[in-house]
Every structure is written in structure tokens, then in C-alpha cells.
Amino acid sequence: MIVLSTVFAGSAQTTEFNYQGSLKYGANAANRNYEFEFALFDAVSDGTQLGATQTRNNVRYMLFKQR
């Protein structure tokens, strides 16, 4: 008899997550300052904002990351 078992450890969920992407300027890789604003809402329309608005200004070699 073979018994297979998997144990899943429970962990606390946080409100932090990472968002990353790439940006091009025309056909070229973006590599300068751009103004980004990130905000989360609890509904698609007429929602309440969750947390503070996060800003990001620099893009290096077309990559950006927001935490």
C-alpha cells in the first residue's frame, strides 16, 4: 500500500503585494522618469479606496515595480 500525503501550512494573509510591468516609448524601451499612480478600490465602480495612493517615478530599461 502506498500513502501519499501533502501538508499545507497555514499562513497569515497580508495586504502587501507586488506589481511589476514593462513600458515602451514608441518602439524603444522606456528609460526615464514617468509619473505612475497606483490605487486599489473595493469595487469596480463607486468603490472606496483601500489604503493610500502609491506613486512611482522612475523606469529603468523599460521595467518598473511597485510594492
N, C-alpha and C. Protein backbone atom coordinates (compact mmCIF):
# COMPACT_ATOMS: atom_id res chain seq x y z
N MET A 1 0.85 -1.15 0.00
CA MET A 1 0.00 0.00 0.00
C MET A 1 0.90 1.23 0.00
N ILE A 2 0.55 2.21 -0.81
CA ILE A 2 1.28 3.48 -0.89
C ILE A 2 0.35 4.58 -0.41
N VAL A 3 0.87 5.39 0.48
CA VAL A 3 0.09 6.50 1.00
C VAL A 3 0.79 7.79 0.62
N LEU A 4 0.10 8.64 -0.06
CA LEU A 4 0.64 9.95 -0.43
C LEU A 4 -0.05 11.00 0.41
N SER A 5 0.74 11.89 0.91
CA SER A 5 0.19 12.91 1.79
C SER A 5 0.83 14.25 1.50
N THR A 6 0.04 15.29 1.56
CA THR A 6 0.55 16.65 1.40
C THR A 6 0.06 17.47 2.57
N VAL A 7 0.98 18.21 3.14
CA VAL A 7 0.63 19.07 4.26
C VAL A 7 0.75 20.51 3.80
N PHE A 8 -0.30 21.27 3.99
CA PHE A 8 -0.29 22.69 3.65
C PHE A 8 -0.20 23.49 4.93
N ALA A 9 0.82 24.28 5.02
CA ALA A 9 0.98 25.12 6.21
C ALA A 9 0.14 26.38 6.04
N GLY A 10 -0.63 26.71 7.04
CA GLY A 10 -1.41 27.93 7.01
C GLY A 10 -0.53 29.12 7.35
N SER A 11 -0.77 30.22 6.67
CA SER A 11 -0.02 31.44 6.98
C SER A 11 -0.96 32.63 6.92
N ALA A 12 -0.61 33.64 7.66
CA ALA A 12 -1.43 34.84 7.70
C ALA A 12 -1.35 35.59 6.38
N GLN A 13 -2.47 36.06 5.91
CA GLN A 13 -2.53 36.84 4.68
C GLN A 13 -2.24 38.29 5.00
N THR A 14 -1.37 38.90 4.21
CA THR A 14 -1.08 40.32 4.41
C THR A 14 -1.76 41.13 3.32
N THR A 15 -1.74 42.43 3.45
CA THR A 15 -2.33 43.29 2.43
C THR A 15 -1.29 43.76 1.43
N GLU A 16 -0.06 43.31 1.56
CA GLU A 16 1.01 43.74 0.67
C GLU A 16 1.11 42.81 -0.54
N PHE A 17 1.34 43.39 -1.71
CA PHE A 17 1.58 42.59 -2.91
C PHE A 17 2.49 43.38 -3.83
N ASN A 18 3.07 42.70 -4.79
CA ASN A 18 3.95 43.34 -5.77
C ASN A 18 3.26 43.45 -7.11
N TYR A 19 3.50 44.54 -7.81
CA TYR A 19 3.01 44.74 -9.17
C TYR A 19 4.19 45.18 -10.01
N GLN A 20 4.42 44.50 -11.11
CA GLN A 20 5.53 44.89 -11.97
C GLN A 20 5.09 44.82 -13.42
N GLY A 21 5.76 45.58 -14.26
CA GLY A 21 5.41 45.61 -15.66
C GLY A 21 6.52 46.21 -16.49
N SER A 22 6.24 46.37 -17.76
CA SER A 22 7.22 46.96 -18.67
C SER A 22 6.55 48.08 -19.45
N LEU A 23 7.35 49.04 -19.86
CA LEU A 23 6.83 50.23 -20.53
C LEU A 23 7.73 50.56 -21.71
N LYS A 24 7.11 50.82 -22.85
CA LYS A 24 7.86 51.25 -24.03
C LYS A 24 7.46 52.66 -24.40
N TYR A 25 8.40 53.38 -24.99
CA TYR A 25 8.17 54.72 -25.52
C TYR A 25 8.29 54.61 -27.02
N GLY A 26 7.16 54.47 -27.71
CA GLY A 26 7.18 54.16 -29.14
C GLY A 26 7.68 52.73 -29.31
N ALA A 27 8.71 52.55 -30.13
CA ALA A 27 9.30 51.22 -30.32
C ALA A 27 10.48 50.98 -29.39
N ASN A 28 10.84 51.98 -28.59
CA ASN A 28 12.02 51.88 -27.74
C ASN A 28 11.66 51.57 -26.29
N ALA A 29 12.62 51.02 -25.58
CA ALA A 29 12.46 50.77 -24.15
C ALA A 29 12.45 52.10 -23.40
N ALA A 30 11.48 52.28 -22.53
CA ALA A 30 11.41 53.49 -21.72
C ALA A 30 12.51 53.44 -20.66
N ASN A 31 13.22 54.54 -20.48
CA ASN A 31 14.30 54.58 -19.50
C ASN A 31 14.46 56.01 -18.99
N ARG A 32 13.43 56.50 -18.32
CA ARG A 32 13.47 57.85 -17.76
C ARG A 32 12.37 57.99 -16.73
N ASN A 33 12.11 59.18 -16.29
CA ASN A 33 11.08 59.40 -15.28
C ASN A 33 9.70 59.52 -15.91
N TYR A 34 8.75 58.77 -15.37
CA TYR A 34 7.34 58.83 -15.74
C TYR A 34 6.56 58.90 -14.44
N GLU A 35 5.40 59.47 -14.46
CA GLU A 35 4.59 59.55 -13.25
C GLU A 35 3.52 58.46 -13.27
N PHE A 36 3.60 57.55 -12.31
CA PHE A 36 2.61 56.49 -12.13
C PHE A 36 1.89 56.73 -10.81
N GLU A 37 0.62 56.41 -10.77
CA GLU A 37 -0.13 56.38 -9.52
C GLU A 37 -0.89 55.06 -9.47
N PHE A 38 -0.79 54.38 -8.33
CA PHE A 38 -1.46 53.11 -8.12
C PHE A 38 -2.43 53.26 -6.95
N ALA A 39 -3.65 52.79 -7.15
CA ALA A 39 -4.65 52.83 -6.08
C ALA A 39 -5.55 51.61 -6.20
N LEU A 40 -5.96 51.08 -5.08
CA LEU A 40 -6.87 49.93 -5.03
C LEU A 40 -8.22 50.37 -4.50
N PHE A 41 -9.28 49.80 -5.08
CA PHE A 41 -10.65 50.10 -4.66
C PHE A 41 -11.37 48.79 -4.38
N ASP A 42 -12.39 48.85 -3.55
CA ASP A 42 -13.11 47.64 -3.17
C ASP A 42 -14.26 47.29 -4.12
N ALA A 43 -14.45 48.06 -5.19
CA ALA A 43 -15.48 47.76 -6.17
C ALA A 43 -15.07 48.34 -7.52
N VAL A 44 -15.64 47.80 -8.59
CA VAL A 44 -15.32 48.27 -9.94
C VAL A 44 -15.78 49.70 -10.15
N SER A 45 -16.97 50.04 -9.66
CA SER A 45 -17.45 51.42 -9.77
C SER A 45 -17.98 51.87 -8.42
N ASP A 46 -17.83 53.16 -8.14
CA ASP A 46 -18.27 53.76 -6.88
C ASP A 46 -17.68 53.06 -5.65
N GLY A 47 -16.46 52.56 -5.78
CA GLY A 47 -15.81 51.87 -4.67
C GLY A 47 -15.08 52.82 -3.74
N THR A 48 -14.72 52.30 -2.60
CA THR A 48 -13.93 53.04 -1.62
C THR A 48 -12.47 52.66 -1.79
N GLN A 49 -11.59 53.65 -1.77
CA GLN A 49 -10.17 53.38 -1.92
C GLN A 49 -9.65 52.66 -0.69
N LEU A 50 -8.84 51.63 -0.92
CA LEU A 50 -8.23 50.85 0.16
C LEU A 50 -6.77 51.28 0.28
N GLY A 51 -6.39 51.84 1.40
CA GLY A 51 -5.01 52.27 1.59
C GLY A 51 -4.73 53.58 0.87
N ALA A 52 -3.46 53.95 0.89
CA ALA A 52 -3.03 55.22 0.30
C ALA A 52 -2.61 55.03 -1.16
N THR A 53 -2.69 56.09 -1.94
CA THR A 53 -2.20 56.08 -3.31
C THR A 53 -0.68 55.97 -3.29
N GLN A 54 -0.14 55.07 -4.09
CA GLN A 54 1.30 54.88 -4.20
C GLN A 54 1.79 55.51 -5.49
N THR A 55 2.93 56.16 -5.46
CA THR A 55 3.48 56.78 -6.66
C THR A 55 4.82 56.15 -7.01
N ARG A 56 5.14 56.19 -8.29
CA ARG A 56 6.40 55.66 -8.79
C ARG A 56 6.83 56.58 -9.91
N ASN A 57 8.10 56.98 -9.91
CA ASN A 57 8.57 57.94 -10.90
C ASN A 57 9.61 57.41 -11.87
N ASN A 58 10.37 56.41 -11.50
CA ASN A 58 11.46 56.01 -12.38
C ASN A 58 11.19 54.68 -13.07
N VAL A 59 11.61 54.61 -14.32
CA VAL A 59 11.53 53.40 -15.13
C VAL A 59 12.94 53.15 -15.65
N ARG A 60 13.47 51.98 -15.42
CA ARG A 60 14.82 51.66 -15.88
C ARG A 60 14.76 50.48 -16.84
N TYR A 61 15.27 50.70 -18.03
CA TYR A 61 15.31 49.65 -19.06
C TYR A 61 13.93 49.04 -19.27
N MET A 62 12.93 49.89 -19.30
CA MET A 62 11.51 49.62 -19.53
C MET A 62 10.84 48.82 -18.43
N LEU A 63 11.48 48.59 -17.29
CA LEU A 63 10.89 47.82 -16.20
C LEU A 63 10.53 48.70 -15.02
N PHE A 64 9.41 48.42 -14.39
CA PHE A 64 9.05 49.10 -13.15
C PHE A 64 8.44 48.10 -12.19
N LYS A 65 8.51 48.41 -10.93
CA LYS A 65 7.98 47.54 -9.89
C LYS A 65 7.42 48.41 -8.78
N GLN A 66 6.26 48.06 -8.31
CA GLN A 66 5.63 48.79 -7.20
C GLN A 66 5.26 47.79 -6.13
N ARG A 67 5.50 48.16 -4.90
CA ARG A 67 5.19 47.27 -3.78
C ARG A 67 4.22 47.95 -2.86
